[in-house]
Structures are given as structure tokens and as C-alpha cells.
Amino acid sequence: MKTAVPAVVVAALLTAPTLGAHHGTNINYDRSKQWTAKAVVTEFKYVNPHAQLFFDVTDDKGNVTHWSGELLPNPAQLLRNGWTRKRSTDAMQFGSKVVVTVAPSRAGGEGVLVLKIENEKGEELLAGGPNAGGPEPPARPTP
């Protein structure tokens, strides 16, 4: 019995980081404060658990803000919707001009949840809503 206690402690310590590794995406971002902006893609990563889009937004005064966003659908969900790694990286190459709709992080900073990506022509490249594998958040109750 004396050896069982240390074994349980070691097992708990080894599994603890993985239990918190994946997060509740809809909890981390505030969809009630979403915004849309013209952006320039700086990098796109087709990775698990969520693809990542890095982009720059220039304000009216010429100030550039560097943003990092995760897409709600995971790569398996992207594939189901026809977004292979090649198609995604071809559409979102460095320097591509896009229009993004995002939800900001509740923690602040330059991290966002990417909800929608359109090209310069207004054609939807990717939607992060229910068709892309993520449920819409529950409606907020009205006071």
C-alpha cells in the first residue's frame, strides 16, 4: 500500500497538464464584442487542435497591430468542409489581403477567435460558425 500512494501522486502529476491542455473556445472569447477589419496575412498554420492565422491590421493613423487568431474548426472539420492544408495555405499566403471577423480574447491582448475570413472580392474563404464544426454560443438572456 505504501508504494501505491507515490504511484498515484506521480500519475496525477503526469496527467494534470493534459487535462487543462484543451480549452473551452467559446469561454475564452467574447463574441458579443466581435469586430471586422481589413487585414494582411503574415502566417497561416494548419495545426491541431486549431489552425492559426496571424495577421496585421493598420488603423486610420497608420499604426499596425499584429494579431494572432485561432480558427474554431479543427483540421478534421476543415477537411470535411473541403479546406485541405494546401487549399488553406494557398488561400492565406503571406501578404494576402483578407477581411477578418473575429471575437476578442476575454483576457485582452492581441489574441482572437477567427470567425470568418473573406478575400478582397468579398468571397467567403472560411466561416468559423456551425458549418465549420463549432456550435454557436448560447443566446444571451435579455434583461
Protein backbone atom coordinates (compact mmCIF):
# COMPACT_ATOMS: atom_id res chain seq x y z
CA MET A 1 0.00 0.00 0.00
CA LYS A 2 2.93 2.35 0.69
CA THR A 3 4.05 2.15 -2.94
CA ALA A 4 0.55 2.78 -4.27
CA VAL A 5 0.36 6.33 -2.86
CA PRO A 6 3.51 7.60 -4.63
CA ALA A 7 2.39 5.91 -7.85
CA VAL A 8 -0.97 7.70 -7.69
CA VAL A 9 0.73 11.04 -7.00
CA VAL A 10 3.11 10.57 -9.94
CA ALA A 11 0.23 9.58 -12.23
CA ALA A 12 -1.77 12.63 -11.17
CA LEU A 13 1.18 14.94 -11.79
CA LEU A 14 1.81 13.47 -15.23
CA THR A 15 -1.80 13.74 -16.38
CA ALA A 16 -2.63 17.16 -14.88
CA PRO A 17 -1.11 19.22 -17.73
CA THR A 18 -3.04 17.30 -20.38
CA LEU A 19 -6.35 17.75 -18.58
CA GLY A 20 -6.14 21.52 -18.95
CA ALA A 21 -4.46 21.49 -22.35
CA HIS A 22 -7.61 21.93 -24.42
CA HIS A 23 -9.80 24.85 -23.57
CA GLY A 24 -13.39 25.89 -23.99
CA THR A 25 -13.04 28.11 -27.06
CA ASN A 26 -16.38 29.84 -26.57
CA ILE A 27 -15.48 30.64 -22.96
CA ASN A 28 -12.15 32.29 -23.82
CA TYR A 29 -13.53 34.74 -26.40
CA ASP A 30 -16.27 37.36 -26.25
CA ARG A 31 -18.48 37.01 -29.32
CA SER A 32 -20.64 39.91 -28.19
CA LYS A 33 -17.67 42.22 -28.96
CA GLN A 34 -16.71 40.82 -32.36
CA TRP A 35 -15.24 43.15 -34.96
CA THR A 36 -14.39 43.08 -38.66
CA ALA A 37 -11.31 44.61 -40.30
CA LYS A 38 -9.21 44.55 -43.45
CA ALA A 39 -6.03 42.63 -42.72
CA VAL A 40 -2.83 41.32 -44.28
CA VAL A 41 -1.91 37.69 -43.62
CA THR A 42 1.54 37.25 -42.09
CA GLU A 43 1.32 33.50 -41.44
CA PHE A 44 -1.14 30.61 -41.51
CA LYS A 45 -0.58 27.36 -39.60
CA TYR A 46 -2.71 24.30 -40.33
CA VAL A 47 -2.18 22.63 -36.95
CA ASN A 48 -4.02 20.80 -34.17
CA PRO A 49 -6.03 21.49 -32.14
CA HIS A 50 -6.96 24.62 -34.16
CA ALA A 51 -5.48 26.22 -37.25
CA GLN A 52 -3.88 29.60 -36.56
CA LEU A 53 -3.98 32.81 -38.54
CA PHE A 54 -1.52 35.61 -37.90
CA PHE A 55 -2.36 38.95 -39.47
CA ASP A 56 -1.73 42.69 -39.33
CA VAL A 57 -4.37 45.39 -39.15
CA THR A 58 -3.47 49.01 -39.93
CA ASP A 59 -5.61 51.72 -38.35
CA ASP A 60 -6.53 55.12 -39.82
CA LYS A 61 -3.36 56.67 -38.39
CA GLY A 62 -1.06 54.09 -39.97
CA ASN A 63 -0.43 52.14 -36.74
CA VAL A 64 -0.04 48.41 -37.33
CA THR A 65 -1.29 45.85 -34.81
CA HIS A 66 -0.08 42.26 -35.07
CA TRP A 67 -2.85 39.76 -34.25
CA SER A 68 -2.86 36.03 -33.69
CA GLY A 69 -6.07 34.10 -34.07
CA GLU A 70 -7.24 30.58 -33.77
CA LEU A 71 -9.91 29.18 -36.03
CA LEU A 72 -12.82 27.48 -34.32
CA PRO A 73 -12.83 24.40 -36.57
CA ASN A 74 -10.05 21.89 -36.08
CA PRO A 75 -8.18 20.44 -39.10
CA ALA A 76 -10.53 17.42 -39.32
CA GLN A 77 -13.53 19.77 -39.50
CA LEU A 78 -11.73 21.92 -42.08
CA LEU A 79 -11.16 18.83 -44.23
CA ARG A 80 -14.85 17.90 -44.05
CA ASN A 81 -15.63 21.34 -45.45
CA GLY A 82 -13.09 21.00 -48.27
CA TRP A 83 -10.30 23.02 -46.67
CA THR A 84 -7.23 20.87 -47.12
CA ARG A 85 -3.84 22.02 -45.89
CA LYS A 86 -2.84 23.00 -49.44
CA ARG A 87 -6.05 24.90 -50.17
CA SER A 88 -5.81 26.77 -46.86
CA THR A 89 -2.16 27.73 -47.18
CA ASP A 90 -2.61 28.71 -50.84
CA ALA A 91 -5.55 30.98 -49.98
CA MET A 92 -3.82 32.54 -46.98
CA GLN A 93 -0.24 33.09 -48.10
CA PHE A 94 1.99 35.76 -46.61
CA GLY A 95 0.82 39.13 -47.86
CA SER A 96 -2.70 38.03 -48.81
CA LYS A 97 -5.26 40.75 -48.21
CA VAL A 98 -8.32 39.50 -46.37
CA VAL A 99 -11.23 40.73 -44.31
CA VAL A 100 -11.49 39.03 -40.94
CA THR A 101 -14.31 38.91 -38.44
CA VAL A 102 -13.05 37.99 -35.00
CA ALA A 103 -14.06 37.75 -31.36
CA PRO A 104 -11.53 39.23 -28.92
CA SER A 105 -9.98 37.31 -26.07
CA ARG A 106 -11.65 37.89 -22.71
CA ALA A 107 -8.14 38.13 -21.26
CA GLY A 108 -7.26 41.05 -23.54
CA GLY A 109 -4.24 41.37 -25.77
CA GLU A 110 -3.90 40.58 -29.45
CA GLY A 111 -5.31 37.05 -29.38
CA VAL A 112 -8.63 36.48 -31.14
CA LEU A 113 -11.00 33.78 -32.32
CA VAL A 114 -11.31 33.98 -36.11
CA LEU A 115 -14.99 33.67 -37.02
CA LYS A 116 -14.86 34.45 -40.73
CA ILE A 117 -12.30 35.15 -43.45
CA GLU A 118 -13.14 36.75 -46.80
CA ASN A 119 -10.88 37.58 -49.71
CA GLU A 120 -10.68 41.08 -51.23
CA LYS A 121 -13.59 40.28 -53.54
CA GLY A 122 -15.85 39.55 -50.58
CA GLU A 123 -15.88 35.80 -51.23
CA GLU A 124 -16.00 33.77 -48.05
CA LEU A 125 -12.84 31.74 -47.61
CA LEU A 126 -13.74 30.31 -44.25
CA ALA A 127 -16.55 30.58 -41.76
CA GLY A 128 -15.98 29.66 -38.16
CA GLY A 129 -19.63 29.08 -37.38
CA PRO A 130 -21.68 25.90 -37.13
CA ASN A 131 -20.95 24.72 -40.69
CA ALA A 132 -17.26 24.71 -39.85
CA GLY A 133 -17.70 22.46 -36.87
CA GLY A 134 -18.39 24.79 -33.98
CA PRO A 135 -21.70 25.42 -32.32
CA GLU A 136 -22.88 28.97 -31.95
CA PRO A 137 -22.73 30.17 -28.37
CA PRO A 138 -25.99 30.22 -26.45
CA ALA A 139 -28.01 33.39 -26.85
CA ARG A 140 -27.53 35.90 -24.07
CA PRO A 141 -30.63 36.46 -21.99
CA THR A 142 -32.17 39.89 -22.39
CA PRO A 143 -32.60 41.86 -19.19
